[in-house]
């Protein structure tokens, strides 16, 4: 059974670098970024979502733990929008831990955590090219709320 443990201030810089690099890679692959965006430019964009790092109100960056072993990381926010909700900013299962059900277990743990916080739903974004994650979310009862489409000219 998995549980969450907070990422520490000491660990945060490594997570931050991963997060910005991942944002560049995924947003670029999806066609939302220029090819020549710098790390610094991307960092300014990502910082808009979490301006105070680990101290940003409502945000939680956690290790996904299987016993004493970290198997991944999850970043979510508890916020009030149309209703109180959890927003999943990022989930990463370590490459050598994939295919073992930790993604589903982490999402179930997030559902339990969000309910305890009074959230009535979970929102997330999944890139169109990430069919593995998309299929997992669909099987877990998530539905399409909006679809962004594009055509390169």
Protein backbone atom coordinates (compact mmCIF):
# COMPACT_ATOMS: atom_id res chain seq x y z
CA UNK A 1 0.00 0.00 0.00
CA UNK A 2 1.46 3.34 -0.99
CA UNK A 3 1.55 6.58 0.99
CA UNK A 4 2.76 10.13 0.38
CA UNK A 5 5.67 11.87 2.10
CA UNK A 6 6.49 15.55 1.48
CA UNK A 7 9.42 16.55 -0.71
CA UNK A 8 11.81 18.52 1.52
CA UNK A 9 13.32 21.96 0.89
CA UNK A 10 16.65 20.20 0.31
CA UNK A 11 15.08 17.92 -2.35
CA UNK A 12 13.02 20.65 -4.01
CA UNK A 13 15.73 22.07 -6.35
CA UNK A 14 16.14 18.67 -8.03
CA UNK A 15 12.37 18.30 -8.38
CA UNK A 16 12.11 21.88 -9.70
CA UNK A 17 14.76 21.25 -12.39
CA UNK A 18 12.95 18.04 -13.42
CA UNK A 19 9.61 19.86 -13.47
CA UNK A 20 10.80 22.70 -15.69
CA UNK A 21 12.68 20.34 -18.03
CA UNK A 22 9.61 18.08 -18.23
CA UNK A 23 7.41 21.10 -19.00
CA UNK A 24 9.75 22.12 -21.83
CA UNK A 25 9.81 18.59 -23.26
CA UNK A 26 6.08 17.90 -23.01
CA UNK A 27 4.81 21.33 -24.03
CA UNK A 28 7.28 21.32 -26.91
CA UNK A 29 6.25 17.84 -28.04
CA UNK A 30 2.60 18.94 -27.93
CA UNK A 31 3.45 21.94 -30.12
CA UNK A 32 2.86 24.70 -27.55
CA UNK A 33 6.44 26.07 -27.34
CA UNK A 34 9.05 27.55 -29.63
CA UNK A 35 11.98 25.25 -30.31
CA UNK A 36 14.48 27.75 -28.90
CA UNK A 37 12.89 28.42 -25.49
CA UNK A 38 15.51 28.70 -22.76
CA UNK A 39 15.37 27.05 -19.36
CA UNK A 40 15.09 30.50 -17.76
CA UNK A 41 12.10 31.46 -19.92
CA UNK A 42 10.38 28.16 -19.16
CA UNK A 43 11.14 28.51 -15.46
CA UNK A 44 9.38 31.90 -15.41
CA UNK A 45 6.28 30.27 -16.96
CA UNK A 46 6.22 27.31 -14.55
CA UNK A 47 6.85 29.58 -11.55
CA UNK A 48 3.50 31.28 -12.28
CA UNK A 49 1.82 28.06 -11.10
CA UNK A 50 3.82 27.71 -7.88
CA UNK A 51 5.33 31.14 -7.10
CA UNK A 52 6.52 30.32 -3.58
CA UNK A 53 7.85 26.82 -4.18
CA UNK A 54 6.94 24.37 -1.44
CA UNK A 55 5.39 27.25 0.55
CA UNK A 56 2.79 28.01 -2.14
CA UNK A 57 -0.61 27.80 -0.48
CA UNK A 58 -2.61 24.68 -1.33
CA UNK A 59 0.23 22.98 -3.26
CA UNK A 60 1.64 19.62 -2.22
CA UNK A 61 4.70 17.99 -3.79
CA UNK A 62 5.02 14.51 -2.39
CA UNK A 63 7.09 11.38 -2.80
CA UNK A 64 4.96 8.36 -3.68
CA UNK A 65 6.20 5.74 -1.24
CA UNK A 66 5.92 1.96 -1.28
CA UNK A 67 6.93 1.16 2.28
CA UNK A 68 10.28 2.93 2.74
CA UNK A 69 11.00 3.17 -0.99
CA UNK A 70 10.16 6.18 -3.13
CA UNK A 71 8.60 5.00 -6.41
CA UNK A 72 7.61 8.38 -7.83
CA UNK A 73 6.48 11.94 -7.20
CA UNK A 74 3.10 13.67 -7.26
CA UNK A 75 2.30 17.41 -7.30
CA UNK A 76 -1.27 18.42 -6.58
CA UNK A 77 -3.15 21.46 -5.40
CA UNK A 78 -6.28 21.74 -3.27
CA UNK A 79 -8.13 24.85 -4.47
CA UNK A 80 -11.51 26.55 -4.68
CA UNK A 81 -12.77 27.19 -8.20
CA UNK A 82 -16.32 26.35 -9.26
CA UNK A 83 -16.15 24.03 -6.25
CA UNK A 84 -13.41 22.84 -3.94
CA UNK A 85 -11.25 20.54 -6.01
CA UNK A 86 -7.87 18.89 -6.30
CA UNK A 87 -5.81 19.70 -9.37
CA UNK A 88 -3.14 17.21 -10.39
CA UNK A 89 -0.21 19.19 -11.74
CA UNK A 90 2.15 16.26 -12.20
CA UNK A 91 2.61 12.61 -11.43
CA UNK A 92 5.75 10.67 -12.23
CA UNK A 93 6.38 7.03 -11.52
CA UNK A 94 10.08 6.19 -11.67
CA UNK A 95 10.92 4.39 -14.90
CA UNK A 96 12.06 1.21 -13.15
CA UNK A 97 8.78 1.13 -11.15
CA UNK A 98 6.32 1.50 -14.03
CA UNK A 99 3.82 -1.22 -14.84
CA UNK A 100 3.45 -2.24 -11.19
CA UNK A 101 0.21 -0.37 -10.48
CA UNK A 102 1.77 2.53 -8.55
CA UNK A 103 0.17 5.14 -10.81
CA UNK A 104 -3.33 3.79 -10.09
CA UNK A 105 -2.56 3.43 -6.39
CA UNK A 106 -1.27 7.01 -6.23
CA UNK A 107 -4.41 8.29 -7.95
CA UNK A 108 -6.60 6.36 -5.50
CA UNK A 109 -4.57 7.83 -2.62
CA UNK A 110 -5.05 11.31 -4.14
CA UNK A 111 -8.82 10.68 -4.33
CA UNK A 112 -8.89 9.73 -0.64
CA UNK A 113 -6.73 12.72 0.32
CA UNK A 114 -8.84 15.13 -1.75
CA UNK A 115 -12.08 13.85 -0.19
CA UNK A 116 -10.63 14.36 3.32
CA UNK A 117 -9.76 17.94 2.31
CA UNK A 118 -13.38 18.49 1.24
CA UNK A 119 -12.74 18.41 -2.52
CA UNK A 120 -15.64 17.32 -4.71
CA UNK A 121 -13.56 16.44 -7.79
CA UNK A 122 -10.10 16.05 -9.25
CA UNK A 123 -9.04 17.82 -12.41
CA UNK A 124 -5.95 17.13 -14.48
CA UNK A 125 -4.47 17.67 -17.91
CA UNK A 126 -3.02 14.83 -19.95
CA UNK A 127 -1.18 15.34 -23.22
CA UNK A 128 -2.69 13.70 -26.28
CA UNK A 129 0.53 11.77 -26.94
CA UNK A 130 0.46 10.18 -23.46
CA UNK A 131 -1.90 7.33 -24.29
CA UNK A 132 -0.78 5.19 -21.33
CA UNK A 133 -1.78 7.83 -18.78
CA UNK A 134 -4.92 8.79 -20.68
CA UNK A 135 -6.11 5.19 -20.78
CA UNK A 136 -5.42 4.76 -17.07
CA UNK A 137 -7.44 7.89 -16.23
CA UNK A 138 -10.35 6.77 -18.43
CA UNK A 139 -10.40 3.34 -16.79
CA UNK A 140 -10.45 5.05 -13.38
CA UNK A 141 -13.57 7.03 -14.28
CA UNK A 142 -12.12 10.34 -15.48
CA UNK A 143 -13.80 11.90 -18.50
CA UNK A 144 -12.88 14.44 -21.14
CA UNK A 145 -13.88 17.94 -20.06
CA UNK A 146 -12.17 19.86 -22.88
CA UNK A 147 -9.96 18.91 -25.80
CA UNK A 148 -7.42 21.27 -27.35
CA UNK A 149 -6.81 20.55 -31.02
CA UNK A 150 -4.32 22.05 -33.46
CA UNK A 151 -3.22 21.81 -37.05
CA UNK A 152 0.19 23.00 -38.20
CA UNK A 153 0.15 25.04 -41.40
